[in-house]
Amino acid sequence: MDIRNESTLHEILAQLNRSQIDRPEEMIQRAVLDYDFEFKESLRVRLEAQPKGGTTLRKIHAKMPWGAKHVYQLVSEDCELGIHFEAAFGGNIAHFAHHIFRITGEGGPLGSIHYFPNIRFIFTNREPCTALSLIDFEGERLVFYRADTAGFFRSKAYAVVTTAAGELVAVIVEVPGWFRPKCHIKMYRSAHDVFIALLMATFHGLVFRVH
């Protein structure tokens, strides 16, 4: 895949097979009920995940610490990673077309994230994809496709995560909550808890708080 500093969401999407990434709305809606993890934003400025039906709270957090370049701190029971901002290209601070982040652990670099937001004007933009992240993590490339379901008033934000070959990894759907929206994650393969934290952070928005 050709990724340049000045690449935009439209250019990256043109290189991908959309039919391998997105899924029918029926599958997106099923993930609202048939999910594996639920996560929500706490008042302590972090995302907390809880397994469905779990009686105890496992430590799966995505903290948002203060700092210019330390975007997220991913925490599980036995692992802690960081997502660090590296560079942005293609516009002013509100309209960068391409962001680069690094994923690091105690032993050093573990991967990277290329983040491409949708920066077109909302009333003239017919592209359903609101953001795309290409994640390289522990030697595997993942495509994190975020979009909205059909409908203006009842639309739901969702994400479909696949491998580079189009194999389904996870579906994430935002659902209403009492005070703040919460999200459900349906996993299609087993994964370490810190990977769940990585999915939470990416869905929530790596640069700005995406809701």
N, C-alpha and C. Protein backbone atom coordinates (compact mmCIF):
# COMPACT_ATOMS: atom_id res chain seq x y z
N MET A 1 0.84 -1.20 0.00
CA MET A 1 0.00 0.00 0.00
C MET A 1 0.88 1.25 0.00
N ASP A 2 0.48 2.22 -0.81
CA ASP A 2 1.22 3.47 -0.91
C ASP A 2 0.70 4.46 0.13
N ILE A 3 1.49 4.71 1.18
CA ILE A 3 1.14 5.68 2.22
C ILE A 3 2.21 6.76 2.23
N ARG A 4 1.81 7.96 1.87
CA ARG A 4 2.72 9.10 1.85
C ARG A 4 2.33 10.06 2.97
N ASN A 5 3.20 10.98 3.28
CA ASN A 5 2.89 11.97 4.32
C ASN A 5 1.62 12.73 4.00
N GLU A 6 1.42 13.03 2.72
CA GLU A 6 0.28 13.85 2.32
C GLU A 6 -0.95 13.01 1.96
N SER A 7 -0.93 11.72 2.23
CA SER A 7 -2.07 10.86 1.91
C SER A 7 -3.33 11.30 2.65
N THR A 8 -4.48 11.12 2.01
CA THR A 8 -5.76 11.46 2.61
C THR A 8 -6.61 10.20 2.77
N LEU A 9 -7.71 10.32 3.50
CA LEU A 9 -8.62 9.20 3.68
C LEU A 9 -9.10 8.66 2.33
N HIS A 10 -9.50 9.55 1.43
CA HIS A 10 -10.01 9.14 0.13
C HIS A 10 -8.97 8.33 -0.63
N GLU A 11 -7.72 8.74 -0.60
CA GLU A 11 -6.67 8.04 -1.33
C GLU A 11 -6.39 6.66 -0.74
N ILE A 12 -6.44 6.55 0.58
CA ILE A 12 -6.19 5.26 1.21
C ILE A 12 -7.36 4.31 0.97
N LEU A 13 -8.59 4.80 1.08
CA LEU A 13 -9.76 3.96 0.83
C LEU A 13 -9.76 3.41 -0.60
N ALA A 14 -9.25 4.20 -1.54
CA ALA A 14 -9.23 3.78 -2.94
C ALA A 14 -8.30 2.57 -3.14
N GLN A 15 -7.38 2.35 -2.22
CA GLN A 15 -6.46 1.22 -2.32
C GLN A 15 -6.96 -0.02 -1.60
N LEU A 16 -8.09 0.08 -0.92
CA LEU A 16 -8.63 -1.03 -0.14
C LEU A 16 -9.87 -1.59 -0.81
N ASN A 17 -10.14 -2.85 -0.55
CA ASN A 17 -11.36 -3.50 -1.02
C ASN A 17 -12.44 -3.27 0.04
N ARG A 18 -13.35 -2.32 -0.22
CA ARG A 18 -14.34 -1.95 0.77
C ARG A 18 -15.23 -3.14 1.16
N SER A 19 -15.48 -4.06 0.23
CA SER A 19 -16.34 -5.20 0.54
C SER A 19 -15.68 -6.15 1.54
N GLN A 20 -14.36 -6.11 1.65
CA GLN A 20 -13.66 -6.93 2.63
C GLN A 20 -13.63 -6.26 4.01
N ILE A 21 -13.91 -4.96 4.04
CA ILE A 21 -13.80 -4.22 5.30
C ILE A 21 -15.16 -4.07 5.97
N ASP A 22 -16.07 -3.38 5.30
CA ASP A 22 -17.35 -3.08 5.92
C ASP A 22 -18.22 -4.34 5.98
N ARG A 23 -19.22 -4.30 6.84
CA ARG A 23 -20.11 -5.42 7.02
C ARG A 23 -21.55 -4.93 6.95
N PRO A 24 -22.54 -5.82 6.65
CA PRO A 24 -23.93 -5.38 6.57
C PRO A 24 -24.41 -4.81 7.90
N GLU A 25 -25.39 -3.91 7.82
CA GLU A 25 -25.90 -3.27 9.03
C GLU A 25 -26.50 -4.29 9.99
N GLU A 26 -27.04 -5.41 9.47
CA GLU A 26 -27.59 -6.43 10.35
C GLU A 26 -26.52 -6.99 11.28
N MET A 27 -25.30 -7.18 10.77
CA MET A 27 -24.22 -7.67 11.62
C MET A 27 -23.81 -6.61 12.64
N ILE A 28 -23.83 -5.35 12.22
CA ILE A 28 -23.48 -4.27 13.14
C ILE A 28 -24.50 -4.23 14.29
N GLN A 29 -25.77 -4.34 13.97
CA GLN A 29 -26.80 -4.28 14.99
C GLN A 29 -26.75 -5.50 15.93
N ARG A 30 -26.39 -6.66 15.40
CA ARG A 30 -26.31 -7.85 16.25
C ARG A 30 -25.25 -7.70 17.32
N ALA A 31 -24.20 -6.94 17.01
CA ALA A 31 -23.14 -6.74 17.99
C ALA A 31 -23.59 -5.94 19.20
N VAL A 32 -24.72 -5.24 19.08
CA VAL A 32 -25.24 -4.49 20.22
C VAL A 32 -25.64 -5.45 21.33
N LEU A 33 -26.21 -6.60 20.98
CA LEU A 33 -26.66 -7.58 21.97
C LEU A 33 -25.65 -8.71 22.17
N ASP A 34 -25.09 -9.20 21.09
CA ASP A 34 -24.16 -10.32 21.16
C ASP A 34 -22.73 -9.78 21.18
N TYR A 35 -22.30 -9.31 22.35
CA TYR A 35 -20.98 -8.69 22.46
C TYR A 35 -20.15 -9.42 23.51
N ASP A 36 -18.85 -9.13 23.51
CA ASP A 36 -17.92 -9.75 24.46
C ASP A 36 -17.44 -8.77 25.53
N PHE A 37 -17.31 -7.51 25.16
CA PHE A 37 -16.87 -6.48 26.10
C PHE A 37 -17.74 -5.24 25.94
N GLU A 38 -17.93 -4.55 27.05
CA GLU A 38 -18.57 -3.24 27.04
C GLU A 38 -17.58 -2.24 27.60
N PHE A 39 -17.46 -1.08 26.96
CA PHE A 39 -16.59 -0.06 27.53
C PHE A 39 -17.28 1.29 27.51
N LYS A 40 -16.88 2.12 28.45
CA LYS A 40 -17.42 3.47 28.56
C LYS A 40 -16.36 4.39 29.13
N GLU A 41 -16.59 5.67 28.95
CA GLU A 41 -15.66 6.68 29.45
C GLU A 41 -16.00 7.01 30.90
N SER A 42 -15.00 6.98 31.75
CA SER A 42 -15.20 7.31 33.15
C SER A 42 -14.94 8.80 33.36
N LEU A 43 -15.34 9.29 34.54
CA LEU A 43 -15.12 10.69 34.87
C LEU A 43 -13.65 10.98 35.13
N ARG A 44 -12.84 9.94 35.23
CA ARG A 44 -11.41 10.13 35.46
C ARG A 44 -10.63 10.17 34.14
N VAL A 45 -11.31 10.48 33.08
CA VAL A 45 -10.70 10.63 31.75
C VAL A 45 -9.97 9.36 31.34
N ARG A 46 -10.69 8.28 31.35
CA ARG A 46 -10.14 7.04 30.84
C ARG A 46 -11.30 6.16 30.37
N LEU A 47 -10.97 5.19 29.54
CA LEU A 47 -11.94 4.22 29.05
C LEU A 47 -11.76 2.93 29.84
N GLU A 48 -12.86 2.35 30.26
CA GLU A 48 -12.81 1.14 31.06
C GLU A 48 -13.65 0.05 30.39
N ALA A 49 -13.08 -1.13 30.23
CA ALA A 49 -13.77 -2.25 29.60
C ALA A 49 -14.17 -3.28 30.63
N GLN A 50 -15.32 -3.90 30.40
CA GLN A 50 -15.82 -4.95 31.27
C GLN A 50 -16.34 -6.09 30.40
N PRO A 51 -15.91 -7.33 30.66
CA PRO A 51 -16.45 -8.46 29.89
C PRO A 51 -17.95 -8.60 30.13
N LYS A 52 -18.66 -9.05 29.12
CA LYS A 52 -20.09 -9.27 29.27
C LYS A 52 -20.34 -10.37 30.30
N GLY A 53 -21.20 -10.06 31.28
CA GLY A 53 -21.51 -11.04 32.31
C GLY A 53 -20.43 -11.22 33.34
N GLY A 54 -19.37 -10.39 33.29
CA GLY A 54 -18.28 -10.52 34.24
C GLY A 54 -18.70 -10.10 35.64
N THR A 55 -18.33 -10.88 36.62
CA THR A 55 -18.68 -10.56 38.01
C THR A 55 -17.63 -9.71 38.69
N THR A 56 -16.44 -9.70 38.15
CA THR A 56 -15.37 -8.87 38.70
C THR A 56 -14.82 -7.98 37.60
N LEU A 57 -14.30 -6.83 37.99
CA LEU A 57 -13.78 -5.87 37.02
C LEU A 57 -12.35 -6.21 36.69
N ARG A 58 -12.12 -6.70 35.49
CA ARG A 58 -10.75 -6.91 35.03
C ARG A 58 -10.13 -5.56 34.71
N LYS A 59 -8.85 -5.45 34.92
CA LYS A 59 -8.17 -4.18 34.64
C LYS A 59 -7.90 -4.07 33.15
N ILE A 60 -8.79 -3.40 32.44
CA ILE A 60 -8.59 -3.10 31.02
C ILE A 60 -8.92 -1.63 30.85
N HIS A 61 -7.90 -0.81 30.78
CA HIS A 61 -8.08 0.63 30.72
C HIS A 61 -7.36 1.22 29.52
N ALA A 62 -7.85 2.34 29.06
CA ALA A 62 -7.13 3.18 28.11
C ALA A 62 -7.16 4.59 28.70
N LYS A 63 -6.10 4.95 29.40
CA LYS A 63 -6.02 6.25 30.06
C LYS A 63 -5.62 7.31 29.05
N MET A 64 -6.05 8.53 29.31
CA MET A 64 -5.67 9.67 28.47
C MET A 64 -4.88 10.65 29.33
N PRO A 65 -3.58 10.41 29.53
CA PRO A 65 -2.79 11.25 30.42
C PRO A 65 -2.52 12.62 29.80
N TRP A 66 -2.26 13.60 30.66
CA TRP A 66 -1.90 14.91 30.18
C TRP A 66 -0.51 14.84 29.55
N GLY A 67 -0.30 15.57 28.48
CA GLY A 67 0.99 15.57 27.80
C GLY A 67 0.80 15.76 26.31
N ALA A 68 1.72 16.43 25.68
CA ALA A 68 1.56 16.79 24.27
C ALA A 68 1.65 15.58 23.35
N LYS A 69 2.46 14.58 23.71
CA LYS A 69 2.69 13.48 22.77
C LYS A 69 2.27 12.12 23.30
N HIS A 70 2.01 12.01 24.59
CA HIS A 70 1.57 10.73 25.14
C HIS A 70 0.06 10.70 25.07
N VAL A 71 -0.49 10.11 24.01
CA VAL A 71 -1.92 10.20 23.73
C VAL A 71 -2.72 9.25 24.61
N TYR A 72 -2.29 8.00 24.69
CA TYR A 72 -3.00 7.00 25.49
C TYR A 72 -2.00 6.11 26.22
N GLN A 73 -2.42 5.62 27.37
CA GLN A 73 -1.70 4.60 28.11
C GLN A 73 -2.63 3.40 28.20
N LEU A 74 -2.24 2.28 27.60
CA LEU A 74 -3.06 1.08 27.55
C LEU A 74 -2.64 0.15 28.68
N VAL A 75 -3.61 -0.25 29.51
CA VAL A 75 -3.29 -1.00 30.73
C VAL A 75 -4.16 -2.24 30.81
N SER A 76 -3.53 -3.40 31.08
CA SER A 76 -4.23 -4.62 31.42
C SER A 76 -3.58 -5.18 32.69
N GLU A 77 -4.03 -6.36 33.12
CA GLU A 77 -3.51 -6.91 34.37
C GLU A 77 -2.00 -7.14 34.34
N ASP A 78 -1.47 -7.53 33.19
CA ASP A 78 -0.06 -7.89 33.13
C ASP A 78 0.71 -7.18 32.03
N CYS A 79 0.14 -6.09 31.51
CA CYS A 79 0.81 -5.42 30.40
C CYS A 79 0.45 -3.94 30.39
N GLU A 80 1.40 -3.12 29.96
CA GLU A 80 1.14 -1.69 29.85
C GLU A 80 1.88 -1.15 28.61
N LEU A 81 1.12 -0.52 27.72
CA LEU A 81 1.68 0.03 26.50
C LEU A 81 1.34 1.51 26.39
N GLY A 82 2.04 2.20 25.52
CA GLY A 82 1.76 3.61 25.28
C GLY A 82 1.53 3.87 23.81
N ILE A 83 0.64 4.82 23.51
CA ILE A 83 0.46 5.31 22.15
C ILE A 83 0.96 6.74 22.14
N HIS A 84 1.94 7.03 21.32
CA HIS A 84 2.59 8.33 21.30
C HIS A 84 2.40 9.00 19.93
N PHE A 85 2.03 10.26 19.94
CA PHE A 85 1.92 11.03 18.71
C PHE A 85 3.32 11.27 18.15
N GLU A 86 3.45 11.11 16.83
CA GLU A 86 4.75 11.34 16.18
C GLU A 86 4.71 12.52 15.22
N ALA A 87 3.73 12.55 14.31
CA ALA A 87 3.70 13.62 13.31
C ALA A 87 2.32 13.70 12.70
N ALA A 88 2.03 14.87 12.08
CA ALA A 88 0.78 15.06 11.35
C ALA A 88 1.07 15.86 10.09
N PHE A 89 0.33 15.57 9.04
CA PHE A 89 0.58 16.18 7.75
C PHE A 89 -0.74 16.58 7.09
N GLY A 90 -0.68 17.59 6.24
CA GLY A 90 -1.79 17.86 5.35
C GLY A 90 -2.72 18.97 5.73
N GLY A 91 -2.39 19.85 6.68
CA GLY A 91 -3.29 20.94 6.98
C GLY A 91 -3.00 21.59 8.31
N ASN A 92 -3.95 22.44 8.77
CA ASN A 92 -3.76 23.08 10.05
C ASN A 92 -4.16 22.14 11.17
N ILE A 93 -4.14 22.61 12.42
CA ILE A 93 -4.33 21.73 13.56
C ILE A 93 -5.70 21.08 13.58
N ALA A 94 -6.71 21.69 12.95
CA ALA A 94 -8.06 21.13 12.96
C ALA A 94 -8.34 20.22 11.77
N HIS A 95 -7.46 20.22 10.77
CA HIS A 95 -7.78 19.48 9.55
C HIS A 95 -6.61 18.66 9.02
N PHE A 96 -5.77 18.14 9.89
CA PHE A 96 -4.71 17.27 9.40
C PHE A 96 -5.32 16.05 8.73
N ALA A 97 -4.75 15.68 7.58
CA ALA A 97 -5.29 14.56 6.83
C ALA A 97 -4.64 13.23 7.22
N HIS A 98 -3.48 13.27 7.86
CA HIS A 98 -2.73 12.04 8.12
C HIS A 98 -1.95 12.23 9.42
N HIS A 99 -2.19 11.35 10.38
CA HIS A 99 -1.46 11.37 11.64
C HIS A 99 -0.70 10.06 11.79
N ILE A 100 0.46 10.12 12.41
CA ILE A 100 1.25 8.92 12.69
C ILE A 100 1.47 8.82 14.19
N PHE A 101 1.23 7.62 14.73
CA PHE A 101 1.44 7.34 16.14
C PHE A 101 2.34 6.11 16.27
N ARG A 102 3.03 6.00 17.38
CA ARG A 102 3.85 4.84 17.67
C ARG A 102 3.31 4.12 18.89
N ILE A 103 3.30 2.79 18.84
CA ILE A 103 2.90 1.97 19.97
C ILE A 103 4.17 1.44 20.62
N THR A 104 4.34 1.68 21.91
CA THR A 104 5.56 1.30 22.59
C THR A 104 5.25 0.49 23.85
N GLY A 105 6.19 -0.37 24.23
CA GLY A 105 6.12 -1.12 25.47
C GLY A 105 7.42 -0.98 26.21
N GLU A 106 7.59 -1.74 27.26
CA GLU A 106 8.81 -1.64 28.06
C GLU A 106 10.03 -2.02 27.24
N GLY A 107 9.86 -2.92 26.28
CA GLY A 107 11.00 -3.34 25.49
C GLY A 107 11.27 -2.50 24.27
N GLY A 108 10.45 -1.46 24.03
CA GLY A 108 10.67 -0.60 22.88
C GLY A 108 9.46 -0.58 21.95
N PRO A 109 9.66 -0.21 20.68
CA PRO A 109 8.54 -0.10 19.73
C PRO A 109 7.84 -1.43 19.47
N LEU A 110 6.51 -1.38 19.37
CA LEU A 110 5.71 -2.56 19.07
C LEU A 110 4.88 -2.40 17.81
N GLY A 111 4.81 -1.18 17.29
CA GLY A 111 4.01 -0.98 16.10
C GLY A 111 3.72 0.48 15.86
N SER A 112 2.80 0.73 14.95
CA SER A 112 2.46 2.10 14.57
C SER A 112 0.99 2.18 14.18
N ILE A 113 0.48 3.39 14.13
CA ILE A 113 -0.89 3.64 13.68
C ILE A 113 -0.85 4.81 12.71
N HIS A 114 -1.38 4.60 11.50
CA HIS A 114 -1.60 5.69 10.55
C HIS A 114 -3.09 6.01 10.60
N TYR A 115 -3.40 7.22 10.99
CA TYR A 115 -4.78 7.63 11.24
C TYR A 115 -5.20 8.65 10.17
N PHE A 116 -6.33 8.39 9.50
CA PHE A 116 -6.83 9.26 8.43
C PHE A 116 -8.26 9.68 8.75
N PRO A 117 -8.48 10.91 9.22
CA PRO A 117 -9.85 11.35 9.51
C PRO A 117 -10.57 11.84 8.27
N ASN A 118 -11.88 11.86 8.34
CA ASN A 118 -12.70 12.43 7.28
C ASN A 118 -12.80 13.93 7.55
N ILE A 119 -12.23 14.75 6.68
CA ILE A 119 -12.17 16.19 6.95
C ILE A 119 -13.04 17.00 6.00
N ARG A 120 -13.95 16.34 5.26
CA ARG A 120 -14.82 17.10 4.36
C ARG A 120 -15.99 17.71 5.12
N PHE A 121 -16.60 18.71 4.55
CA PHE A 121 -17.71 19.39 5.21
C PHE A 121 -18.89 18.44 5.34
N ILE A 122 -19.48 18.37 6.50
CA ILE A 122 -20.45 17.34 6.84
C ILE A 122 -21.68 17.33 5.92
N PHE A 123 -22.17 18.49 5.51
CA PHE A 123 -23.41 18.52 4.74
C PHE A 123 -23.20 18.20 3.26
N THR A 124 -21.97 18.18 2.81
CA THR A 124 -21.69 17.86 1.41
C THR A 124 -20.91 16.55 1.27
N ASN A 125 -20.64 15.90 2.37
CA ASN A 125 -19.83 14.70 2.35
C ASN A 125 -20.72 13.46 2.32
N ARG A 126 -20.61 12.66 1.28
CA ARG A 126 -21.40 11.44 1.17
C ARG A 126 -20.60 10.20 1.54
N GLU A 127 -19.38 10.36 2.00
CA GLU A 127 -18.54 9.23 2.38
C GLU A 127 -18.96 8.75 3.77
N PRO A 128 -19.43 7.49 3.89
CA PRO A 128 -19.87 7.01 5.20
C PRO A 128 -18.74 6.81 6.19
N CYS A 129 -17.52 6.60 5.72
CA CYS A 129 -16.39 6.39 6.61
C CYS A 129 -16.02 7.70 7.30
N THR A 130 -15.98 7.69 8.62
CA THR A 130 -15.63 8.89 9.37
C THR A 130 -14.15 8.93 9.74
N ALA A 131 -13.49 7.78 9.77
CA ALA A 131 -12.06 7.72 10.05
C ALA A 131 -11.55 6.33 9.71
N LEU A 132 -10.29 6.26 9.34
CA LEU A 132 -9.66 4.98 9.03
C LEU A 132 -8.30 4.95 9.72
N SER A 133 -8.01 3.85 10.39
CA SER A 133 -6.70 3.67 11.01
C SER A 133 -6.07 2.39 10.47
N LEU A 134 -4.83 2.48 10.06
CA LEU A 134 -4.06 1.30 9.67
C LEU A 134 -3.10 1.01 10.81
N ILE A 135 -3.33 -0.10 11.49
CA ILE A 135 -2.60 -0.43 12.70
C ILE A 135 -1.60 -1.55 12.41
N ASP A 136 -0.32 -1.31 12.68
CA ASP A 136 0.69 -2.36 12.68
C ASP A 136 0.99 -2.68 14.14
N PHE A 137 0.66 -3.89 14.55
CA PHE A 137 0.83 -4.25 15.96
C PHE A 137 1.39 -5.66 16.06
N GLU A 138 2.57 -5.76 16.63
CA GLU A 138 3.25 -7.04 16.84
C GLU A 138 3.33 -7.84 15.54
N GLY A 139 3.69 -7.15 14.45
CA GLY A 139 3.92 -7.81 13.17
C GLY A 139 2.70 -8.05 12.31
N GLU A 140 1.54 -7.60 12.76
CA GLU A 140 0.31 -7.80 11.98
C GLU A 140 -0.28 -6.44 11.61
N ARG A 141 -0.78 -6.33 10.38
CA ARG A 141 -1.45 -5.10 9.97
C ARG A 141 -2.96 -5.28 10.05
N LEU A 142 -3.61 -4.31 10.69
CA LEU A 142 -5.06 -4.32 10.84
C LEU A 142 -5.65 -3.08 10.21
N VAL A 143 -6.85 -3.21 9.68
CA VAL A 143 -7.59 -2.09 9.12
C VAL A 143 -8.74 -1.79 10.08
N PHE A 144 -8.78 -0.56 10.60
CA PHE A 144 -9.80 -0.14 11.56
C PHE A 144 -10.67 0.89 10.86
N TYR A 145 -11.84 0.45 10.41
CA TYR A 145 -12.75 1.26 9.60
C TYR A 145 -13.89 1.75 10.49
N ARG A 146 -13.98 3.05 10.67
CA ARG A 146 -15.04 3.64 11.51
C ARG A 146 -16.03 4.39 10.62
N ALA A 147 -17.33 4.20 10.89
CA ALA A 147 -18.37 4.82 10.07
C ALA A 147 -19.63 5.00 10.90
N ASP A 148 -20.69 5.46 10.26
CA ASP A 148 -22.00 5.61 10.89
C ASP A 148 -23.00 4.75 10.14
N THR A 149 -23.95 4.15 10.87
CA THR A 149 -25.01 3.41 10.22
C THR A 149 -25.94 4.39 9.51
N ALA A 150 -26.79 3.88 8.64
CA ALA A 150 -27.71 4.72 7.88
C ALA A 150 -28.69 5.41 8.82
N GLY A 151 -29.15 6.59 8.40
CA GLY A 151 -30.13 7.32 9.21
C GLY A 151 -29.47 8.49 9.91
N PHE A 152 -30.11 9.64 9.87
CA PHE A 152 -29.53 10.85 10.45
C PHE A 152 -29.75 10.92 11.96
N PHE A 153 -31.00 10.65 12.41
CA PHE A 153 -31.33 10.83 13.82
C PHE A 153 -31.02 9.59 14.65
N ARG A 154 -31.11 8.40 14.06
CA ARG A 154 -30.90 7.18 14.81
C ARG A 154 -29.64 6.44 14.38
N SER A 155 -28.74 7.10 13.74
CA SER A 155 -27.52 6.44 13.30
C SER A 155 -26.65 6.10 14.50
N LYS A 156 -25.84 5.06 14.34
CA LYS A 156 -24.91 4.63 15.37
C LYS A 156 -23.49 4.66 14.81
N ALA A 157 -22.57 5.12 15.61
CA ALA A 157 -21.17 5.02 15.24
C ALA A 157 -20.72 3.57 15.44
N TYR A 158 -19.95 3.06 14.50
CA TYR A 158 -19.46 1.69 14.61
C TYR A 158 -18.09 1.59 13.95
N ALA A 159 -17.43 0.48 14.22
CA ALA A 159 -16.15 0.22 13.58
C ALA A 159 -16.06 -1.26 13.25
N VAL A 160 -15.43 -1.54 12.13
CA VAL A 160 -15.14 -2.92 11.72
C VAL A 160 -13.63 -3.04 11.63
N VAL A 161 -13.08 -4.04 12.30
CA VAL A 161 -11.64 -4.26 12.33
C VAL A 161 -11.35 -5.57 11.60
N THR A 162 -10.48 -5.50 10.60
CA THR A 162 -10.10 -6.69 9.83
C THR A 162 -8.58 -6.77 9.73
N THR A 163 -8.12 -7.93 9.32
CA THR A 163 -6.72 -8.05 8.94
C THR A 163 -6.54 -7.44 7.55
N ALA A 164 -5.30 -7.33 7.11
CA ALA A 164 -5.03 -6.79 5.78
C ALA A 164 -5.65 -7.66 4.70
N ALA A 165 -5.84 -8.94 4.99
CA ALA A 165 -6.43 -9.87 4.01
C ALA A 165 -7.95 -9.88 4.07
N GLY A 166 -8.55 -9.11 4.98
CA GLY A 166 -10.00 -9.02 5.07
C GLY A 166 -10.64 -9.94 6.08
N GLU A 167 -9.86 -10.64 6.89
CA GLU A 167 -10.42 -11.52 7.92
C GLU A 167 -10.96 -10.67 9.06
N LEU A 168 -12.18 -10.97 9.50
CA LEU A 168 -12.84 -10.17 10.52
C LEU A 168 -12.20 -10.39 11.88
N VAL A 169 -11.86 -9.30 12.56
CA VAL A 169 -11.25 -9.35 13.89
C VAL A 169 -12.24 -8.90 14.97
N ALA A 170 -12.95 -7.80 14.72
CA ALA A 170 -13.86 -7.27 15.73
C ALA A 170 -14.86 -6.32 15.10
N VAL A 171 -16.00 -6.15 15.77
CA VAL A 171 -16.99 -5.13 15.44
C VAL A 171 -17.27 -4.36 16.72
N ILE A 172 -17.27 -3.04 16.64
CA ILE A 172 -17.53 -2.16 17.79
C ILE A 172 -18.71 -1.28 17.44
N VAL A 173 -19.65 -1.14 18.38
CA VAL A 173 -20.84 -0.33 18.13
C VAL A 173 -21.10 0.56 19.34
N GLU A 174 -21.39 1.82 19.08
CA GLU A 174 -21.76 2.75 20.15
C GLU A 174 -23.25 2.61 20.44
N VAL A 175 -23.60 2.51 21.72
CA VAL A 175 -25.00 2.37 22.13
C VAL A 175 -25.30 3.43 23.19
N PRO A 176 -26.59 3.80 23.35
CA PRO A 176 -26.93 4.84 24.33
C PRO A 176 -26.63 4.39 25.76
N GLY A 177 -26.26 5.36 26.60
CA GLY A 177 -26.03 5.10 28.02
C GLY A 177 -26.81 6.10 28.85
N TRP A 178 -26.84 5.90 30.17
CA TRP A 178 -27.61 6.80 31.03
C TRP A 178 -27.06 8.22 30.98
N PHE A 179 -25.73 8.35 31.08
CA PHE A 179 -25.13 9.68 31.09
C PHE A 179 -24.19 9.88 29.90
N ARG A 180 -23.45 8.86 29.56
CA ARG A 180 -22.50 8.93 28.46
C ARG A 180 -22.70 7.71 27.56
N PRO A 181 -22.40 7.84 26.28
CA PRO A 181 -22.52 6.67 25.41
C PRO A 181 -21.57 5.57 25.87
N LYS A 182 -21.94 4.32 25.64
CA LYS A 182 -21.06 3.20 25.90
C LYS A 182 -20.93 2.41 24.60
N CYS A 183 -20.00 1.52 24.56
CA CYS A 183 -19.74 0.78 23.33
C CYS A 183 -19.63 -0.69 23.62
N HIS A 184 -20.03 -1.50 22.65
CA HIS A 184 -19.94 -2.95 22.73
C HIS A 184 -18.93 -3.45 21.70
N ILE A 185 -18.10 -4.37 22.14
CA ILE A 185 -17.10 -4.97 21.26
C ILE A 185 -17.42 -6.45 21.08
N LYS A 186 -17.59 -6.86 19.85
CA LYS A 186 -17.76 -8.27 19.51
C LYS A 186 -16.45 -8.75 18.88
N MET A 187 -15.79 -9.72 19.54
CA MET A 187 -14.52 -10.24 19.04
C MET A 187 -14.77 -11.49 18.20
N TYR A 188 -14.02 -11.62 17.12
CA TYR A 188 -14.13 -12.80 16.26
C TYR A 188 -12.88 -13.66 16.31
N ARG A 189 -12.01 -13.36 17.28
CA ARG A 189 -10.87 -14.22 17.58
C ARG A 189 -10.40 -13.85 18.98
N SER A 190 -9.63 -14.73 19.61
CA SER A 190 -9.13 -14.44 20.95
C SER A 190 -8.04 -13.38 20.87
N ALA A 191 -7.93 -12.60 21.95
CA ALA A 191 -6.95 -11.52 21.98
C ALA A 191 -6.57 -11.20 23.41
N HIS A 192 -5.38 -10.68 23.61
CA HIS A 192 -4.91 -10.25 24.92
C HIS A 192 -5.72 -9.03 25.35
N ASP A 193 -5.89 -8.86 26.67
CA ASP A 193 -6.68 -7.74 27.17
C ASP A 193 -6.14 -6.38 26.72
N VAL A 194 -4.82 -6.26 26.57
CA VAL A 194 -4.28 -4.96 26.16
C VAL A 194 -4.67 -4.63 24.73
N PHE A 195 -4.96 -5.66 23.92
CA PHE A 195 -5.45 -5.43 22.56
C PHE A 195 -6.85 -4.83 22.61
N ILE A 196 -7.68 -5.24 23.57
CA ILE A 196 -9.00 -4.64 23.76
C ILE A 196 -8.83 -3.15 24.08
N ALA A 197 -7.86 -2.82 24.92
CA ALA A 197 -7.59 -1.41 25.24
C ALA A 197 -7.17 -0.63 24.00
N LEU A 198 -6.40 -1.26 23.13
CA LEU A 198 -5.99 -0.61 21.87
C LEU A 198 -7.20 -0.33 21.00
N LEU A 199 -8.14 -1.28 20.92
CA LEU A 199 -9.35 -1.06 20.13
C LEU A 199 -10.19 0.07 20.72
N MET A 200 -10.28 0.13 22.05
CA MET A 200 -11.04 1.20 22.70
C MET A 200 -10.45 2.56 22.34
N ALA A 201 -9.14 2.68 22.48
CA ALA A 201 -8.48 3.96 22.22
C ALA A 201 -8.65 4.40 20.78
N THR A 202 -8.53 3.46 19.85
CA THR A 202 -8.67 3.80 18.44
C THR A 202 -10.09 4.21 18.11
N PHE A 203 -11.08 3.51 18.66
CA PHE A 203 -12.47 3.87 18.41
C PHE A 203 -12.81 5.24 18.99
N HIS A 204 -12.30 5.51 20.17
CA HIS A 204 -12.63 6.76 20.85
C HIS A 204 -12.05 7.97 20.13
N GLY A 205 -10.98 7.78 19.40
CA GLY A 205 -10.37 8.89 18.65
C GLY A 205 -8.99 9.17 19.14
N LEU A 206 -7.99 8.99 18.29
CA LEU A 206 -6.61 9.11 18.73
C LEU A 206 -6.15 10.56 18.89
N VAL A 207 -6.80 11.47 18.19
CA VAL A 207 -6.36 12.86 18.24
C VAL A 207 -7.38 13.70 18.98
N PHE A 208 -8.59 13.69 18.49
CA PHE A 208 -9.68 14.41 19.14
C PHE A 208 -10.69 13.41 19.67
N ARG A 209 -11.45 13.78 20.64
CA ARG A 209 -12.46 12.88 21.20
C ARG A 209 -13.60 12.73 20.20
N VAL A 210 -13.71 11.54 19.63
CA VAL A 210 -14.70 11.29 18.59
C VAL A 210 -15.95 10.68 19.24
N HIS A 211 -17.13 11.27 19.02
CA HIS A 211 -18.36 10.73 19.58
C HIS A 211 -19.40 10.62 18.46
